[in-house]
Amino acid sequence: MRTEVTALVAVAAVAVDEIDVDGDPVLEARWGDRVPVLLAGERELFHYRIDRAVLTAYLAGADS
C-alpha cells in the first residue's frame, strides 16, 4: 500500500503522515487487524489494499 499511495499523492501534492499502529494500545484497539489503513482525516478510505482508481478519483477531488 505504501508504494502506491506515495506515488499517487506525489502527483496530487497532498501531505501524508505515516503512523505505526503496532505498539500503540489505543490505535491497536481501534484498528485491530485492519492494517494497513488509509485515512483522510477521520474518514477511513481503505484498509489492507487500495483501489487505485478510487484513490486517484478521491485525490482529484481533493484539489477542488
PDB file of N, CA and C in Angstrom:
ATOM      1  N   MET A   1       0.829  -1.191   0.000  1.00  0.00           N
ATOM      2  CA  MET A   1       0.000   0.000   0.000  1.00  0.00           C
ATOM      3  C   MET A   1       0.872   1.253   0.000  1.00  0.00           C
ATOM      4  N   ARG A   2       1.933   1.261   0.774  1.00  0.00           N
ATOM      5  CA  ARG A   2       2.772   2.448   0.923  1.00  0.00           C
ATOM      6  C   ARG A   2       3.303   2.940  -0.428  1.00  0.00           C
ATOM      7  N   THR A   3       3.797   2.024  -1.253  1.00  0.00           N
ATOM      8  CA  THR A   3       4.368   2.410  -2.546  1.00  0.00           C
ATOM      9  C   THR A   3       3.328   3.057  -3.448  1.00  0.00           C
ATOM     10  N   GLU A   4       2.156   2.451  -3.520  1.00  0.00           N
ATOM     11  CA  GLU A   4       1.087   3.001  -4.366  1.00  0.00           C
ATOM     12  C   GLU A   4       0.623   4.366  -3.870  1.00  0.00           C
ATOM     13  N   VAL A   5       0.430   4.483  -2.578  1.00  0.00           N
ATOM     14  CA  VAL A   5      -0.038   5.745  -2.007  1.00  0.00           C
ATOM     15  C   VAL A   5       1.006   6.837  -2.231  1.00  0.00           C
ATOM     16  N   THR A   6       2.266   6.524  -1.992  1.00  0.00           N
ATOM     17  CA  THR A   6       3.328   7.512  -2.169  1.00  0.00           C
ATOM     18  C   THR A   6       3.353   8.049  -3.592  1.00  0.00           C
ATOM     19  N   ALA A   7       3.252   7.158  -4.562  1.00  0.00           N
ATOM     20  CA  ALA A   7       3.269   7.579  -5.966  1.00  0.00           C
ATOM     21  C   ALA A   7       2.062   8.451  -6.306  1.00  0.00           C
ATOM     22  N   LEU A   8       0.901   8.070  -5.826  1.00  0.00           N
ATOM     23  CA  LEU A   8      -0.318   8.815  -6.164  1.00  0.00           C
ATOM     24  C   LEU A   8      -0.389  10.176  -5.478  1.00  0.00           C
ATOM     25  N   VAL A   9       0.021  10.253  -4.231  1.00  0.00           N
ATOM     26  CA  VAL A   9      -0.076  11.535  -3.528  1.00  0.00           C
ATOM     27  C   VAL A   9       0.987  12.515  -4.001  1.00  0.00           C
ATOM     28  N   ALA A  10       2.092  12.021  -4.533  1.00  0.00           N
ATOM     29  CA  ALA A  10       3.114  12.919  -5.075  1.00  0.00           C
ATOM     30  C   ALA A  10       2.545  13.727  -6.234  1.00  0.00           C
ATOM     31  N   VAL A  11       1.746  13.088  -7.048  1.00  0.00           N
ATOM     32  CA  VAL A  11       1.112  13.761  -8.186  1.00  0.00           C
ATOM     33  C   VAL A  11       0.051  14.748  -7.698  1.00  0.00           C
ATOM     34  N   ALA A  12      -0.662  14.390  -6.653  1.00  0.00           N
ATOM     35  CA  ALA A  12      -1.751  15.225  -6.143  1.00  0.00           C
ATOM     36  C   ALA A  12      -1.266  16.339  -5.220  1.00  0.00           C
ATOM     37  N   ALA A  13      -0.003  16.282  -4.811  1.00  0.00           N
ATOM     38  CA  ALA A  13       0.580  17.288  -3.923  1.00  0.00           C
ATOM     39  C   ALA A  13      -0.208  17.432  -2.623  1.00  0.00           C
ATOM     40  N   VAL A  14      -0.470  16.305  -1.973  1.00  0.00           N
ATOM     41  CA  VAL A  14      -1.102  16.314  -0.655  1.00  0.00           C
ATOM     42  C   VAL A  14      -0.127  15.728   0.357  1.00  0.00           C
ATOM     43  N   ALA A  15      -0.320  16.049   1.617  1.00  0.00           N
ATOM     44  CA  ALA A  15       0.553  15.562   2.677  1.00  0.00           C
ATOM     45  C   ALA A  15       0.051  14.230   3.212  1.00  0.00           C
ATOM     46  N   VAL A  16       0.993  13.367   3.560  1.00  0.00           N
ATOM     47  CA  VAL A  16       0.663  12.070   4.149  1.00  0.00           C
ATOM     48  C   VAL A  16       1.489  11.901   5.413  1.00  0.00           C
ATOM     49  N   ASP A  17       0.840  11.499   6.481  1.00  0.00           N
ATOM     50  CA  ASP A  17       1.523  11.161   7.724  1.00  0.00           C
ATOM     51  C   ASP A  17       1.412   9.665   7.916  1.00  0.00           C
ATOM     52  N   GLU A  18       2.550   9.000   8.067  1.00  0.00           N
ATOM     53  CA  GLU A  18       2.552   7.559   8.317  1.00  0.00           C
ATOM     54  C   GLU A  18       2.697   7.336   9.815  1.00  0.00           C
ATOM     55  N   ILE A  19       1.771   6.571  10.380  1.00  0.00           N
ATOM     56  CA  ILE A  19       1.761   6.305  11.817  1.00  0.00           C
ATOM     57  C   ILE A  19       1.788   4.800  12.025  1.00  0.00           C
ATOM     58  N   ASP A  20       2.710   4.349  12.869  1.00  0.00           N
ATOM     59  CA  ASP A  20       2.832   2.924  13.170  1.00  0.00           C
ATOM     60  C   ASP A  20       1.795   2.546  14.228  1.00  0.00           C
ATOM     61  N   VAL A  21       0.881   1.674  13.858  1.00  0.00           N
ATOM     62  CA  VAL A  21      -0.190   1.238  14.758  1.00  0.00           C
ATOM     63  C   VAL A  21       0.344   0.269  15.811  1.00  0.00           C
ATOM     64  N   ASP A  22       1.292  -0.574  15.423  1.00  0.00           N
ATOM     65  CA  ASP A  22       1.828  -1.582  16.344  1.00  0.00           C
ATOM     66  C   ASP A  22       2.488  -0.919  17.547  1.00  0.00           C
ATOM     67  N   GLY A  23       2.172  -1.410  18.703  1.00  0.00           N
ATOM     68  CA  GLY A  23       2.769  -0.909  19.925  1.00  0.00           C
ATOM     69  C   GLY A  23       2.015   0.254  20.558  1.00  0.00           C
ATOM     70  N   ASP A  24       1.004   0.770  19.887  1.00  0.00           N
ATOM     71  CA  ASP A  24       0.180   1.836  20.453  1.00  0.00           C
ATOM     72  C   ASP A  24      -1.157   1.213  20.825  1.00  0.00           C
ATOM     73  N   PRO A  25      -1.408   1.012  22.120  1.00  0.00           N
ATOM     74  CA  PRO A  25      -2.619   0.313  22.545  1.00  0.00           C
ATOM     75  C   PRO A  25      -3.916   0.944  22.035  1.00  0.00           C
ATOM     76  N   VAL A  26      -3.979   2.255  21.969  1.00  0.00           N
ATOM     77  CA  VAL A  26      -5.197   2.927  21.505  1.00  0.00           C
ATOM     78  C   VAL A  26      -5.426   2.636  20.023  1.00  0.00           C
ATOM     79  N   LEU A  27      -4.378   2.766  19.224  1.00  0.00           N
ATOM     80  CA  LEU A  27      -4.511   2.505  17.790  1.00  0.00           C
ATOM     81  C   LEU A  27      -4.749   1.027  17.507  1.00  0.00           C
ATOM     82  N   GLU A  28      -4.085   0.160  18.253  1.00  0.00           N
ATOM     83  CA  GLU A  28      -4.315  -1.282  18.081  1.00  0.00           C
ATOM     84  C   GLU A  28      -5.765  -1.633  18.396  1.00  0.00           C
ATOM     85  N   ALA A  29      -6.318  -1.029  19.441  1.00  0.00           N
ATOM     86  CA  ALA A  29      -7.715  -1.297  19.798  1.00  0.00           C
ATOM     87  C   ALA A  29      -8.662  -0.782  18.717  1.00  0.00           C
ATOM     88  N   ARG A  30      -8.333   0.356  18.142  1.00  0.00           N
ATOM     89  CA  ARG A  30      -9.204   0.948  17.118  1.00  0.00           C
ATOM     90  C   ARG A  30      -9.152   0.172  15.808  1.00  0.00           C
ATOM     91  N   TRP A  31      -7.966  -0.213  15.364  1.00  0.00           N
ATOM     92  CA  TRP A  31      -7.815  -0.808  14.040  1.00  0.00           C
ATOM     93  C   TRP A  31      -7.638  -2.312  14.053  1.00  0.00           C
ATOM     94  N   GLY A  32      -7.254  -2.892  15.181  1.00  0.00           N
ATOM     95  CA  GLY A  32      -7.112  -4.350  15.257  1.00  0.00           C
ATOM     96  C   GLY A  32      -6.249  -4.893  14.138  1.00  0.00           C
ATOM     97  N   ASP A  33      -6.803  -5.837  13.390  1.00  0.00           N
ATOM     98  CA  ASP A  33      -6.022  -6.443  12.303  1.00  0.00           C
ATOM     99  C   ASP A  33      -6.333  -5.803  10.951  1.00  0.00           C
ATOM    100  N   ARG A  34      -7.022  -4.660  10.957  1.00  0.00           N
ATOM    101  CA  ARG A  34      -7.374  -3.982   9.702  1.00  0.00           C
ATOM    102  C   ARG A  34      -6.280  -3.000   9.283  1.00  0.00           C
ATOM    103  N   VAL A  35      -5.051  -3.415   9.344  1.00  0.00           N
ATOM    104  CA  VAL A  35      -3.930  -2.574   8.926  1.00  0.00           C
ATOM    105  C   VAL A  35      -3.216  -3.233   7.753  1.00  0.00           C
ATOM    106  N   PRO A  36      -2.643  -2.474   6.855  1.00  0.00           N
ATOM    107  CA  PRO A  36      -2.591  -1.026   6.884  1.00  0.00           C
ATOM    108  C   PRO A  36      -3.952  -0.403   6.597  1.00  0.00           C
ATOM    109  N   VAL A  37      -4.091   0.808   7.083  1.00  0.00           N
ATOM    110  CA  VAL A  37      -5.331   1.560   6.880  1.00  0.00           C
ATOM    111  C   VAL A  37      -4.961   2.934   6.329  1.00  0.00           C
ATOM    112  N   LEU A  38      -5.775   3.445   5.437  1.00  0.00           N
ATOM    113  CA  LEU A  38      -5.551   4.771   4.869  1.00  0.00           C
ATOM    114  C   LEU A  38      -6.738   5.651   5.239  1.00  0.00           C
ATOM    115  N   LEU A  39      -6.433   6.749   5.927  1.00  0.00           N
ATOM    116  CA  LEU A  39      -7.462   7.690   6.364  1.00  0.00           C
ATOM    117  C   LEU A  39      -7.278   9.029   5.666  1.00  0.00           C
ATOM    118  N   ALA A  40      -8.369   9.729   5.510  1.00  0.00           N
ATOM    119  CA  ALA A  40      -8.359  11.137   5.114  1.00  0.00           C
ATOM    120  C   ALA A  40      -9.064  11.860   6.245  1.00  0.00           C
ATOM    121  N   GLY A  41      -8.294  12.462   7.121  1.00  0.00           N
ATOM    122  CA  GLY A  41      -8.864  12.996   8.355  1.00  0.00           C
ATOM    123  C   GLY A  41      -9.331  11.827   9.200  1.00  0.00           C
ATOM    124  N   GLU A  42     -10.583  11.807   9.569  1.00  0.00           N
ATOM    125  CA  GLU A  42     -11.147  10.688  10.329  1.00  0.00           C
ATOM    126  C   GLU A  42     -11.846   9.670   9.435  1.00  0.00           C
ATOM    127  N   ARG A  43     -11.915   9.946   8.159  1.00  0.00           N
ATOM    128  CA  ARG A  43     -12.612   9.062   7.217  1.00  0.00           C
ATOM    129  C   ARG A  43     -11.694   7.929   6.757  1.00  0.00           C
ATOM    130  N   GLU A  44     -12.142   6.704   6.973  1.00  0.00           N
ATOM    131  CA  GLU A  44     -11.382   5.541   6.507  1.00  0.00           C
ATOM    132  C   GLU A  44     -11.635   5.356   5.012  1.00  0.00           C
ATOM    133  N   LEU A  45     -10.562   5.443   4.240  1.00  0.00           N
ATOM    134  CA  LEU A  45     -10.680   5.254   2.799  1.00  0.00           C
ATOM    135  C   LEU A  45     -10.476   3.788   2.416  1.00  0.00           C
ATOM    136  N   PHE A  46      -9.426   3.179   2.952  1.00  0.00           N
ATOM    137  CA  PHE A  46      -9.094   1.795   2.608  1.00  0.00           C
ATOM    138  C   PHE A  46      -8.423   1.115   3.791  1.00  0.00           C
ATOM    139  N   HIS A  47      -8.559  -0.186   3.850  1.00  0.00           N
ATOM    140  CA  HIS A  47      -7.706  -0.989   4.718  1.00  0.00           C
ATOM    141  C   HIS A  47      -7.279  -2.212   3.917  1.00  0.00           C
ATOM    142  N   TYR A  48      -6.145  -2.781   4.295  1.00  0.00           N
ATOM    143  CA  TYR A  48      -5.485  -3.897   3.596  1.00  0.00           C
ATOM    144  C   TYR A  48      -4.920  -3.459   2.255  1.00  0.00           C
ATOM    145  N   ARG A  49      -5.778  -3.095   1.314  1.00  0.00           N
ATOM    146  CA  ARG A  49      -5.351  -2.723  -0.041  1.00  0.00           C
ATOM    147  C   ARG A  49      -6.116  -1.484  -0.491  1.00  0.00           C
ATOM    148  N   ILE A  50      -5.492  -0.773  -1.443  1.00  0.00           N
ATOM    149  CA  ILE A  50      -6.207   0.367  -2.014  1.00  0.00           C
ATOM    150  C   ILE A  50      -6.768  -0.008  -3.374  1.00  0.00           C
ATOM    151  N   ASP A  51      -7.765   0.721  -3.777  1.00  0.00           N
ATOM    152  CA  ASP A  51      -8.280   0.656  -5.142  1.00  0.00           C
ATOM    153  C   ASP A  51      -7.704   1.893  -5.827  1.00  0.00           C
ATOM    154  N   ARG A  52      -6.739   1.671  -6.709  1.00  0.00           N
ATOM    155  CA  ARG A  52      -6.003   2.770  -7.328  1.00  0.00           C
ATOM    156  C   ARG A  52      -6.938   3.773  -8.020  1.00  0.00           C
ATOM    157  N   ALA A  53      -7.923   3.287  -8.748  1.00  0.00           N
ATOM    158  CA  ALA A  53      -8.843   4.179  -9.461  1.00  0.00           C
ATOM    159  C   ALA A  53      -9.654   5.030  -8.484  1.00  0.00           C
ATOM    160  N   VAL A  54     -10.117   4.422  -7.405  1.00  0.00           N
ATOM    161  CA  VAL A  54     -10.909   5.154  -6.409  1.00  0.00           C
ATOM    162  C   VAL A  54     -10.043   6.196  -5.708  1.00  0.00           C
ATOM    163  N   LEU A  55      -8.815   5.828  -5.349  1.00  0.00           N
ATOM    164  CA  LEU A  55      -7.930   6.785  -4.683  1.00  0.00           C
ATOM    165  C   LEU A  55      -7.554   7.924  -5.628  1.00  0.00           C
ATOM    166  N   THR A  56      -7.292   7.614  -6.881  1.00  0.00           N
ATOM    167  CA  THR A  56      -6.975   8.656  -7.857  1.00  0.00           C
ATOM    168  C   THR A  56      -8.137   9.639  -7.986  1.00  0.00           C
ATOM    169  N   ALA A  57      -9.354   9.127  -8.068  1.00  0.00           N
ATOM    170  CA  ALA A  57     -10.536   9.987  -8.161  1.00  0.00           C
ATOM    171  C   ALA A  57     -10.700  10.817  -6.891  1.00  0.00           C
ATOM    172  N   TYR A  58     -10.475  10.207  -5.735  1.00  0.00           N
ATOM    173  CA  TYR A  58     -10.586  10.929  -4.468  1.00  0.00           C
ATOM    174  C   TYR A  58      -9.573  12.076  -4.424  1.00  0.00           C
ATOM    175  N   LEU A  59      -8.328  11.782  -4.802  1.00  0.00           N
ATOM    176  CA  LEU A  59      -7.286  12.803  -4.779  1.00  0.00           C
ATOM    177  C   LEU A  59      -7.565  13.921  -5.782  1.00  0.00           C
ATOM    178  N   ALA A  60      -8.139  13.589  -6.910  1.00  0.00           N
ATOM    179  CA  ALA A  60      -8.502  14.613  -7.894  1.00  0.00           C
ATOM    180  C   ALA A  60      -9.541  15.566  -7.306  1.00  0.00           C
ATOM    181  N   GLY A  61     -10.445  15.038  -6.511  1.00  0.00           N
ATOM    182  CA  GLY A  61     -11.447  15.862  -5.844  1.00  0.00           C
ATOM    183  C   GLY A  61     -10.869  16.683  -4.713  1.00  0.00           C
ATOM    184  N   ALA A  62      -9.746  16.236  -4.143  1.00  0.00           N
ATOM    185  CA  ALA A  62      -9.113  16.960  -3.042  1.00  0.00           C
ATOM    186  C   ALA A  62      -8.538  18.288  -3.511  1.00  0.00           C
ATOM    187  N   ASP A  63      -8.274  18.399  -4.812  1.00  0.00           N
ATOM    188  CA  ASP A  63      -7.735  19.643  -5.361  1.00  0.00           C
ATOM    189  C   ASP A  63      -8.790  20.732  -5.469  1.00  0.00           C
ATOM    190  N   SER A  64     -10.072  20.336  -5.476  1.00  0.00           N
ATOM    191  CA  SER A  64     -11.115  21.342  -5.687  1.00  0.00           C
ATOM    192  C   SER A  64     -11.646  21.903  -4.395  1.00  0.00           C
TER     193      SER A  64
END
